[in-house]
Amino acid sequence: MNHLARCAAGLLLSTVLLPLSAFAADAQPTHEFRLDNGLKVIVREDHRAPVVVSQVWYKVGSSYETPGKTGLSHALEHMMFKGSNKVGPGEASLILRDLGAQENAFTSDDYTAYYQVLARDRLGVAFELEADRMASLRLPPEEFKREIEVIKEERRLRTDDQPMSKAYEIFSAMAYPSSGYHTPTIGWMVDLERMNVAELRAWYEEWYAPNNATLVVVGDVTPDEVKALAQRYFGPVPKRDIPIAKVPLELATPGERLLKINVQTQLPSLMMAFNVPSIATAKDPLSANALRLIAALLDGGYSARMSSQLERKEELVSGASSNYNAFTRGDSLFLITAMPNSQKKVTLAQTEAGVWRLLDDLKKTPPSAEELERVRAQVIANLVYERDSITYQATSIGQLETVGLSWKLMDSELADLQKVTPADIQQAARTYFTRDRLSVAHVLPEEKTHE
């Protein structure tokens, strides 16, 4: 949790059991409509400054890819800046830079998105450039030849030469035995080596269509002016048939899996992950929100259970964390990482046993109402302060829509978290923290060899 969120949580806790109305702002005016070509447009008004965020989200990411053709979504993201009918390679970025705009793009398992932050009266420029590359991307072979080398170097720097990133990539492939989430977003190096422009062209033509995209605009705008601009620039882009994308569901109980990974690290570490549903795949979304609060209960600052129990009281770990992404298109993971206390010569087995004790405690005894309210206040404070950013608002809307949920969940999210009871926490722990859902990795220093 960042410093701002910790301060906010402290302020919230100064009054016990604050009602939701004390920290939940009124929902901002939000409007949605769809163009004739299928493009969904969502406009959220925020008139505090004459600035606007424009984002285009495509429903395609690494979980859509197949073995032997990994990394296509990320590579295509790079190539989207290499020219279209109206502009040459890099020219769109120069136009936006001269307007004082910020722009970038990102790819994940479930989506690829492109965004601009700019003055409200320049929104039409962003629309024109995005619509142009949606309709007429060029993909010059000479640009691809250079860019694929950039991508391979990016993989080396971020994964292959980063021991813990490399370990997590291998671990993740094991933790997702049946779904597309076992594919790294950047792709496997062997597939980058053999990727070609024809594959990228086919990927673009399959997925980059207005009826497979969502346009999100947040800022100092009205729905009428956004609709007029969207009709003008995106309206002429023809819709196309889109392949059926199956939700990446995981085996409910894949069985316990153990992996030992040797990497260039000085100290051992532990990774544990449980196969769990997301809000999109859970039979009852309440259980997913319970998992969100469990993640904060275990790893929500100085008073969280892993910090207070495993680190300070038992001195088993020098650091530990938990993470759960509830907003995925398919089934998710509840991840726990920990580093044994090397000064106390704690083993990985002892560390793992300590983590299990915390999880078993949640199964046996629900948290107190006071502890749950403290944790809930931290989570909500973080959400409230993040939403002060129009970019965060737009990203939340785009992510929800692209993984198959509704942007309206953003406005009901705080109330949904308030519904979680101590009994719900206990039930989620009993349901999901089982060994038949568990993947474990012991990350070890490379064994030294002697001549």
Protein backbone atom coordinates (compact mmCIF):
# COMPACT_ATOMS: atom_id res chain seq x y z
CA MET A 1 0.00 0.00 0.00
CA ASN A 2 1.36 3.42 -0.88
CA HIS A 3 1.98 6.22 1.63
CA LEU A 4 -1.07 8.24 0.58
CA ALA A 5 -3.36 5.26 1.04
CA ARG A 6 -1.85 4.46 4.47
CA CYS A 7 -2.48 8.05 5.58
CA ALA A 8 -6.03 7.86 4.28
CA ALA A 9 -6.62 4.58 6.09
CA GLY A 10 -5.35 6.12 9.32
CA LEU A 11 -7.78 9.00 8.98
CA LEU A 12 -10.64 6.64 8.31
CA LEU A 13 -9.82 4.55 11.34
CA SER A 14 -9.86 7.56 13.65
CA THR A 15 -13.63 7.04 13.74
CA VAL A 16 -14.68 3.45 14.31
CA LEU A 17 -17.04 1.79 11.84
CA LEU A 18 -17.58 4.76 9.55
CA PRO A 19 -20.69 4.46 7.38
CA LEU A 20 -20.18 4.05 3.66
CA SER A 21 -21.48 7.57 3.00
CA ALA A 22 -18.53 8.99 4.94
CA PHE A 23 -16.03 8.09 2.24
CA ALA A 24 -17.97 7.12 -0.89
CA ALA A 25 -18.44 10.00 -3.31
CA ASP A 26 -21.59 10.24 -5.37
CA ALA A 27 -21.39 8.38 -8.66
CA GLN A 28 -20.23 10.63 -11.46
CA PRO A 29 -22.46 11.09 -14.52
CA THR A 30 -21.63 8.21 -16.85
CA HIS A 31 -23.20 7.52 -20.23
CA GLU A 32 -22.90 4.67 -22.71
CA PHE A 33 -23.99 4.17 -26.29
CA ARG A 34 -23.04 2.03 -29.24
CA LEU A 35 -22.29 3.05 -32.82
CA ASP A 36 -23.87 1.21 -35.75
CA ASN A 37 -20.56 -0.61 -36.38
CA GLY A 38 -20.64 -2.10 -32.87
CA LEU A 39 -18.15 0.20 -31.13
CA LYS A 40 -19.19 0.65 -27.50
CA VAL A 41 -18.57 4.15 -26.12
CA ILE A 42 -18.58 5.05 -22.41
CA VAL A 43 -18.31 8.67 -21.30
CA ARG A 44 -17.71 9.66 -17.68
CA GLU A 45 -17.92 13.34 -16.84
CA ASP A 46 -15.30 14.91 -14.59
CA HIS A 47 -15.25 18.70 -14.97
CA ARG A 48 -12.56 19.62 -12.43
CA ALA A 49 -10.02 20.52 -15.14
CA PRO A 50 -10.13 21.05 -18.94
CA VAL A 51 -8.45 17.69 -19.52
CA VAL A 52 -9.68 14.42 -20.99
CA VAL A 53 -8.49 10.80 -21.13
CA SER A 54 -9.31 8.81 -24.25
CA GLN A 55 -8.77 5.04 -24.27
CA VAL A 56 -9.51 2.34 -26.84
CA TRP A 57 -9.69 -1.19 -25.42
CA TYR A 58 -9.57 -4.29 -27.63
CA LYS A 59 -10.81 -7.63 -26.34
CA VAL A 60 -7.63 -9.54 -27.11
CA GLY A 61 -4.54 -10.39 -25.09
CA SER A 62 -2.12 -13.19 -24.43
CA SER A 63 -4.83 -15.54 -23.08
CA TYR A 64 -6.33 -15.53 -26.58
CA GLU A 65 -3.12 -16.88 -28.12
CA THR A 66 -2.30 -20.48 -28.98
CA PRO A 67 0.87 -22.55 -28.47
CA GLY A 68 3.52 -21.64 -31.01
CA LYS A 69 2.03 -18.19 -31.59
CA THR A 70 2.54 -16.47 -28.26
CA GLY A 71 3.40 -12.78 -27.96
CA LEU A 72 1.26 -11.70 -30.94
CA SER A 73 -0.93 -9.31 -28.92
CA HIS A 74 2.04 -7.51 -27.37
CA ALA A 75 3.97 -7.36 -30.64
CA LEU A 76 0.95 -5.92 -32.44
CA GLU A 77 0.68 -3.26 -29.73
CA HIS A 78 4.22 -2.15 -30.64
CA MET A 79 3.45 -2.15 -34.35
CA MET A 80 0.31 -0.01 -33.91
CA PHE A 81 2.67 2.98 -33.68
CA LYS A 82 4.34 2.19 -37.02
CA GLY A 83 2.00 3.94 -39.41
CA SER A 84 -1.44 3.83 -41.01
CA ASN A 85 -3.08 5.46 -44.03
CA LYS A 86 -2.81 9.01 -42.72
CA VAL A 87 0.52 8.94 -40.89
CA GLY A 88 3.89 7.27 -41.20
CA PRO A 89 5.88 5.38 -38.54
CA GLY A 90 6.01 7.39 -35.32
CA GLU A 91 4.21 10.41 -36.79
CA ALA A 92 1.09 10.01 -34.64
CA SER A 93 3.25 10.20 -31.52
CA LEU A 94 4.92 13.37 -32.79
CA ILE A 95 1.54 14.99 -33.49
CA LEU A 96 0.34 14.22 -29.98
CA ARG A 97 3.60 15.35 -28.42
CA ASP A 98 3.34 18.71 -30.18
CA LEU A 99 -0.14 19.08 -28.68
CA GLY A 100 1.25 18.48 -25.19
CA ALA A 101 -0.52 15.13 -24.92
CA GLN A 102 0.59 12.00 -23.14
CA GLU A 103 0.10 8.65 -24.86
CA ASN A 104 0.97 5.03 -24.42
CA ALA A 105 -0.40 1.50 -24.66
CA PHE A 106 -0.39 -1.72 -22.67
CA THR A 107 -1.13 -5.41 -23.18
CA SER A 108 -2.25 -7.97 -20.63
CA ASP A 109 -3.71 -11.47 -20.56
CA ASP A 110 -7.19 -10.17 -21.36
CA TYR A 111 -6.89 -6.94 -23.33
CA THR A 112 -4.79 -4.49 -25.30
CA ALA A 113 -5.42 -0.76 -24.74
CA TYR A 114 -4.23 2.54 -26.19
CA TYR A 115 -4.65 5.89 -24.47
CA GLN A 116 -4.08 9.63 -24.69
CA VAL A 117 -4.32 12.33 -22.01
CA LEU A 118 -4.80 15.75 -23.58
CA ALA A 119 -6.63 19.07 -23.51
CA ARG A 120 -10.38 18.69 -23.96
CA ASP A 121 -10.43 20.69 -27.21
CA ARG A 122 -7.93 18.28 -28.82
CA LEU A 123 -9.98 15.13 -28.28
CA GLY A 124 -10.86 14.95 -31.97
CA VAL A 125 -7.18 14.53 -32.85
CA ALA A 126 -6.90 11.49 -30.60
CA PHE A 127 -10.06 10.00 -32.13
CA GLU A 128 -8.86 10.59 -35.68
CA LEU A 129 -5.50 8.90 -35.07
CA GLU A 130 -7.03 5.93 -33.22
CA ALA A 131 -9.72 5.38 -35.83
CA ASP A 132 -7.14 5.54 -38.59
CA ARG A 133 -4.99 2.76 -37.15
CA MET A 134 -8.07 0.72 -36.25
CA ALA A 135 -9.04 0.76 -39.92
CA SER A 136 -5.77 0.90 -41.87
CA LEU A 137 -2.66 -0.28 -40.03
CA ARG A 138 0.29 -0.62 -42.42
CA LEU A 139 2.72 -3.07 -40.68
CA PRO A 140 5.84 -2.25 -42.78
CA PRO A 141 8.16 -5.31 -42.85
CA GLU A 142 11.27 -3.21 -42.25
CA GLU A 143 9.67 -1.68 -39.14
CA PHE A 144 8.70 -5.13 -37.85
CA LYS A 145 12.24 -6.41 -38.36
CA ARG A 146 13.55 -3.65 -36.09
CA GLU A 147 10.72 -3.77 -33.59
CA ILE A 148 10.85 -7.51 -32.95
CA GLU A 149 14.45 -7.07 -31.83
CA VAL A 150 13.27 -4.36 -29.41
CA ILE A 151 10.66 -6.78 -28.04
CA LYS A 152 13.20 -9.57 -27.62
CA GLU A 153 15.49 -7.21 -25.74
CA GLU A 154 12.55 -6.13 -23.59
CA ARG A 155 11.99 -9.76 -22.71
CA ARG A 156 15.64 -10.23 -21.80
CA LEU A 157 15.72 -7.13 -19.60
CA ARG A 158 12.39 -7.69 -17.83
CA THR A 159 12.27 -11.47 -17.56
CA ASP A 160 15.24 -13.53 -18.68
CA ASP A 161 17.80 -11.37 -16.81
CA GLN A 162 15.55 -10.85 -13.77
CA PRO A 163 15.76 -13.99 -11.60
CA MET A 164 12.47 -13.54 -9.73
CA SER A 165 10.57 -12.53 -12.87
CA LYS A 166 11.92 -15.60 -14.62
CA ALA A 167 10.93 -17.78 -11.67
CA TYR A 168 7.40 -16.36 -11.56
CA GLU A 169 6.92 -16.91 -15.30
CA ILE A 170 7.78 -20.59 -14.90
CA PHE A 171 5.64 -20.84 -11.76
CA SER A 172 2.68 -19.19 -13.46
CA ALA A 173 2.83 -21.66 -16.34
CA MET A 174 2.44 -24.45 -13.78
CA ALA A 175 -0.21 -22.67 -11.69
CA TYR A 176 -2.51 -22.35 -14.73
CA PRO A 177 -2.53 -25.90 -16.10
CA SER A 178 -5.51 -25.56 -18.46
CA SER A 179 -6.19 -21.89 -19.20
CA GLY A 180 -4.47 -19.42 -21.50
CA TYR A 181 -3.13 -17.51 -18.51
CA HIS A 182 -0.10 -19.78 -18.48
CA THR A 183 1.14 -17.84 -21.53
CA PRO A 184 3.44 -14.90 -20.70
CA THR A 185 2.11 -11.65 -22.13
CA ILE A 186 5.36 -10.86 -23.91
CA GLY A 187 5.46 -14.38 -25.37
CA TRP A 188 8.02 -17.15 -25.18
CA MET A 189 11.35 -16.29 -26.77
CA VAL A 190 11.16 -19.25 -29.16
CA ASP A 191 7.93 -17.80 -30.59
CA LEU A 192 9.37 -14.28 -30.86
CA GLU A 193 12.25 -15.72 -32.86
CA ARG A 194 9.91 -17.16 -35.48
CA MET A 195 7.17 -14.51 -35.53
CA ASN A 196 6.46 -12.85 -38.88
CA VAL A 197 4.47 -9.95 -40.29
CA ALA A 198 1.87 -12.23 -41.87
CA GLU A 199 0.95 -13.59 -38.43
CA LEU A 200 0.59 -10.07 -37.07
CA ARG A 201 -1.56 -9.04 -40.04
CA ALA A 202 -3.85 -12.00 -39.46
CA TRP A 203 -4.06 -11.22 -35.72
CA TYR A 204 -4.92 -7.59 -36.46
CA GLU A 205 -7.62 -8.52 -38.96
CA GLU A 206 -9.12 -11.08 -36.56
CA TRP A 207 -9.44 -8.90 -33.47
CA TYR A 208 -9.00 -5.19 -34.27
CA ALA A 209 -12.52 -4.27 -35.25
CA PRO A 210 -14.89 -1.66 -33.78
CA ASN A 211 -17.32 -4.38 -32.66
CA ASN A 212 -14.52 -5.89 -30.56
CA ALA A 213 -13.51 -2.61 -28.92
CA THR A 214 -14.62 -0.16 -26.25
CA LEU A 215 -13.92 3.57 -26.38
CA VAL A 216 -13.69 5.11 -22.90
CA VAL A 217 -13.58 8.88 -22.39
CA VAL A 218 -13.26 10.47 -18.95
CA GLY A 219 -12.85 14.17 -18.25
CA ASP A 220 -14.21 17.60 -19.05
CA VAL A 221 -16.61 16.53 -21.81
CA THR A 222 -20.30 16.02 -22.45
CA PRO A 223 -21.79 12.85 -23.92
CA ASP A 224 -23.20 14.74 -26.90
CA GLU A 225 -19.85 16.12 -28.03
CA VAL A 226 -18.14 12.75 -27.58
CA LYS A 227 -20.88 11.00 -29.53
CA ALA A 228 -20.56 13.47 -32.39
CA LEU A 229 -16.78 13.01 -32.56
CA ALA A 230 -17.07 9.22 -32.28
CA GLN A 231 -19.60 9.11 -35.10
CA ARG A 232 -17.37 11.31 -37.25
CA TYR A 233 -14.12 9.38 -36.84
CA PHE A 234 -14.98 5.83 -35.75
CA GLY A 235 -18.38 5.55 -37.43
CA PRO A 236 -17.00 4.83 -40.94
CA VAL A 237 -14.79 1.94 -39.71
CA PRO A 238 -16.57 -1.24 -40.86
CA LYS A 239 -17.46 -4.01 -38.43
CA ARG A 240 -16.08 -7.50 -39.04
CA ASP A 241 -16.77 -11.04 -37.88
CA ILE A 242 -14.84 -11.79 -34.68
CA PRO A 243 -13.75 -15.27 -33.57
CA ILE A 244 -15.52 -16.73 -30.55
CA ALA A 245 -13.27 -16.21 -27.53
CA LYS A 246 -13.78 -18.82 -24.83
CA VAL A 247 -13.40 -17.74 -21.20
CA PRO A 248 -10.13 -19.11 -19.74
CA LEU A 249 -11.57 -21.41 -17.11
CA GLU A 250 -9.27 -23.42 -14.86
CA LEU A 251 -9.57 -26.90 -13.42
CA ALA A 252 -11.44 -26.53 -10.12
CA THR A 253 -9.07 -28.83 -8.24
CA PRO A 254 -5.95 -29.47 -10.35
CA GLY A 255 -4.13 -31.15 -7.45
CA GLU A 256 -1.13 -29.99 -5.46
CA ARG A 257 1.88 -29.11 -7.60
CA LEU A 258 5.45 -28.51 -6.40
CA LEU A 259 8.25 -26.94 -8.42
CA LYS A 260 11.86 -26.24 -7.54
CA ILE A 261 13.46 -23.44 -9.55
CA ASN A 262 17.13 -22.54 -9.44
CA VAL A 263 17.92 -18.96 -10.49
CA GLN A 264 20.69 -16.42 -9.95
CA THR A 265 19.52 -15.20 -6.56
CA GLN A 266 21.30 -14.91 -3.24
CA LEU A 267 18.45 -16.08 -1.01
CA PRO A 268 15.65 -18.64 -1.36
CA SER A 269 12.01 -17.61 -1.55
CA LEU A 270 8.59 -19.21 -1.53
CA MET A 271 5.69 -18.85 -3.97
CA MET A 272 2.26 -20.29 -3.22
CA ALA A 273 -0.86 -19.86 -5.36
CA PHE A 274 -4.39 -21.18 -5.14
CA ASN A 275 -6.64 -21.53 -8.19
CA VAL A 276 -9.67 -19.35 -7.44
CA PRO A 277 -12.46 -17.68 -9.45
CA SER A 278 -12.59 -14.02 -10.38
CA ILE A 279 -15.64 -11.81 -10.00
CA ALA A 280 -16.48 -12.64 -13.61
CA THR A 281 -16.39 -16.43 -13.06
CA ALA A 282 -17.47 -16.80 -9.41
CA LYS A 283 -20.91 -18.29 -8.79
CA ASP A 284 -21.28 -15.71 -6.05
CA PRO A 285 -19.26 -12.48 -6.49
CA LEU A 286 -19.35 -12.09 -2.70
CA SER A 287 -16.73 -14.82 -2.41
CA ALA A 288 -14.40 -12.92 -4.75
CA ASN A 289 -14.77 -9.76 -2.69
CA ALA A 290 -14.04 -11.84 0.41
CA LEU A 291 -10.79 -12.95 -1.21
CA ARG A 292 -9.91 -9.31 -1.91
CA LEU A 293 -10.29 -8.51 1.77
CA ILE A 294 -8.34 -11.62 2.79
CA ALA A 295 -5.43 -10.42 0.66
CA ALA A 296 -5.47 -7.13 2.57
CA LEU A 297 -5.97 -8.87 5.90
CA LEU A 298 -2.81 -10.91 5.29
CA ASP A 299 -0.77 -8.13 3.68
CA GLY A 300 -2.29 -4.73 4.43
CA GLY A 301 0.50 -2.89 6.18
CA TYR A 302 2.19 -3.00 9.57
CA SER A 303 -0.76 -4.53 11.44
CA ALA A 304 -1.54 -7.20 8.81
CA ARG A 305 -1.25 -10.83 9.86
CA MET A 306 1.80 -11.80 7.82
CA SER A 307 3.72 -8.76 8.99
CA SER A 308 2.71 -8.97 12.64
CA GLN A 309 2.68 -12.75 13.01
CA LEU A 310 5.21 -14.27 10.62
CA GLU A 311 7.69 -11.40 10.44
CA ARG A 312 7.76 -9.78 13.89
CA LYS A 313 6.36 -12.34 16.30
CA GLU A 314 7.60 -15.68 14.93
CA GLU A 315 10.52 -14.18 12.96
CA LEU A 316 9.96 -16.72 10.21
CA VAL A 317 10.15 -14.36 7.25
CA SER A 318 12.05 -11.24 6.29
CA GLY A 319 9.16 -10.24 4.03
CA ALA A 320 5.87 -11.61 2.71
CA SER A 321 3.04 -10.49 0.45
CA SER A 322 -0.33 -11.61 -0.87
CA ASN A 323 -2.08 -10.63 -4.09
CA TYR A 324 -5.38 -11.42 -5.78
CA ASN A 325 -6.64 -9.96 -9.05
CA ALA A 326 -10.42 -10.18 -8.94
CA PHE A 327 -10.92 -8.49 -12.31
CA THR A 328 -9.84 -11.07 -14.85
CA ARG A 329 -11.83 -12.50 -17.75
CA GLY A 330 -11.32 -16.03 -16.47
CA ASP A 331 -10.34 -17.80 -13.27
CA SER A 332 -7.63 -16.14 -11.20
CA LEU A 333 -4.93 -16.94 -8.64
CA PHE A 334 -4.58 -16.05 -4.97
CA LEU A 335 -0.81 -15.57 -4.67
CA ILE A 336 1.38 -15.56 -1.57
CA THR A 337 5.14 -14.95 -1.63
CA ALA A 338 7.55 -15.03 1.28
CA MET A 339 11.27 -14.90 1.95
CA PRO A 340 12.55 -17.01 4.85
CA ASN A 341 14.44 -15.21 7.62
CA SER A 342 18.01 -16.11 6.67
CA GLN A 343 19.48 -14.67 9.88
CA LYS A 344 17.42 -17.20 11.85
CA LYS A 345 18.26 -19.94 9.33
CA VAL A 346 14.57 -20.54 8.64
CA THR A 347 13.88 -23.12 5.92
CA LEU A 348 11.38 -22.95 3.10
CA ALA A 349 9.45 -25.81 4.71
CA GLN A 350 9.16 -23.84 7.95
CA THR A 351 8.06 -20.75 6.05
CA GLU A 352 5.42 -22.70 4.16
CA ALA A 353 4.16 -24.21 7.42
CA GLY A 354 3.89 -20.72 8.90
CA VAL A 355 1.79 -19.51 5.98
CA TRP A 356 -0.49 -22.52 6.33
CA ARG A 357 -1.00 -21.73 10.01
CA LEU A 358 -2.32 -18.29 9.07
CA LEU A 359 -4.63 -19.74 6.44
CA ASP A 360 -5.87 -22.46 8.79
CA ASP A 361 -6.55 -19.83 11.45
CA LEU A 362 -8.91 -18.10 9.01
CA LYS A 363 -10.69 -21.40 8.41
CA LYS A 364 -11.11 -22.11 12.11
CA THR A 365 -11.93 -18.63 13.38
CA PRO A 366 -13.40 -15.72 11.42
CA PRO A 367 -11.74 -12.33 11.89
CA SER A 368 -13.22 -10.02 14.48
CA ALA A 369 -15.58 -7.31 13.33
CA GLU A 370 -13.01 -4.72 14.35
CA GLU A 371 -10.19 -6.31 12.32
CA LEU A 372 -12.41 -6.68 9.27
CA GLU A 373 -13.48 -3.04 9.45
CA ARG A 374 -9.86 -1.91 9.71
CA VAL A 375 -8.93 -3.93 6.64
CA ARG A 376 -12.02 -2.83 4.72
CA ALA A 377 -11.24 0.81 5.49
CA GLN A 378 -7.74 0.41 4.07
CA VAL A 379 -9.01 -1.17 0.86
CA ILE A 380 -11.74 1.42 0.38
CA ALA A 381 -9.41 4.32 1.18
CA ASN A 382 -7.02 3.11 -1.49
CA LEU A 383 -9.84 2.87 -4.03
CA VAL A 384 -11.21 6.31 -3.21
CA TYR A 385 -7.87 8.04 -3.57
CA GLU A 386 -6.99 6.19 -6.78
CA ARG A 387 -10.25 7.38 -8.30
CA ASP A 388 -9.16 10.97 -7.89
CA SER A 389 -7.28 10.34 -11.15
CA ILE A 390 -9.27 10.51 -14.38
CA THR A 391 -6.81 8.04 -15.91
CA TYR A 392 -7.54 5.54 -13.16
CA GLN A 393 -11.28 6.03 -13.65
CA ALA A 394 -10.98 5.36 -17.37
CA THR A 395 -8.76 2.33 -16.83
CA SER A 396 -11.17 0.84 -14.30
CA ILE A 397 -14.09 1.28 -16.70
CA GLY A 398 -12.16 -0.17 -19.64
CA GLN A 399 -10.93 -3.16 -17.68
CA LEU A 400 -14.38 -4.02 -16.33
CA GLU A 401 -16.00 -3.80 -19.75
CA THR A 402 -13.27 -5.76 -21.51
CA VAL A 403 -13.27 -8.71 -19.10
CA GLY A 404 -17.01 -9.12 -19.49
CA LEU A 405 -18.29 -7.11 -16.54
CA SER A 406 -20.05 -3.74 -16.50
CA TRP A 407 -18.62 -0.32 -15.76
CA LYS A 408 -21.49 0.03 -13.28
CA LEU A 409 -19.61 -2.31 -10.97
CA MET A 410 -17.20 0.55 -10.37
CA ASP A 411 -19.94 2.60 -8.75
CA SER A 412 -21.26 -0.31 -6.66
CA GLU A 413 -17.83 -1.65 -5.68
CA LEU A 414 -17.59 0.06 -2.30
CA ALA A 415 -21.06 -1.13 -1.29
CA ASP A 416 -20.16 -4.66 -2.47
CA LEU A 417 -17.10 -4.69 -0.23
CA GLN A 418 -19.25 -3.52 2.68
CA LYS A 419 -21.44 -6.62 2.32
CA VAL A 420 -18.60 -9.02 3.21
CA THR A 421 -18.95 -10.40 6.74
CA PRO A 422 -16.46 -12.25 8.98
CA ALA A 423 -18.37 -15.44 8.18
CA ASP A 424 -17.87 -14.81 4.45
CA ILE A 425 -14.12 -14.49 5.05
CA GLN A 426 -14.07 -17.81 6.88
CA GLN A 427 -16.15 -19.54 4.19
CA ALA A 428 -13.90 -18.27 1.38
CA ALA A 429 -10.80 -19.51 3.23
CA ARG A 430 -12.36 -22.95 3.74
CA THR A 431 -13.45 -23.18 0.13
CA TYR A 432 -10.34 -22.00 -1.68
CA PHE A 433 -7.28 -22.55 0.54
CA THR A 434 -7.03 -26.27 -0.06
CA ARG A 435 -4.10 -28.37 -1.20
CA ASP A 436 -5.89 -29.63 -4.29
CA ARG A 437 -5.93 -26.02 -5.57
CA LEU A 438 -2.32 -25.29 -4.59
CA SER A 439 0.84 -24.64 -6.58
CA VAL A 440 4.12 -24.22 -4.67
CA ALA A 441 7.50 -23.08 -5.96
CA HIS A 442 10.72 -23.18 -3.98
CA VAL A 443 12.96 -20.62 -5.63
CA LEU A 444 16.58 -21.49 -4.85
CA PRO A 445 20.00 -20.02 -5.61
CA GLU A 446 21.76 -21.75 -8.48
CA GLU A 447 23.97 -24.58 -7.34
CA LYS A 448 27.65 -23.72 -7.64
CA THR A 449 29.77 -25.98 -9.78
CA HIS A 450 33.42 -26.69 -9.17
CA GLU A 451 36.01 -27.74 -11.73
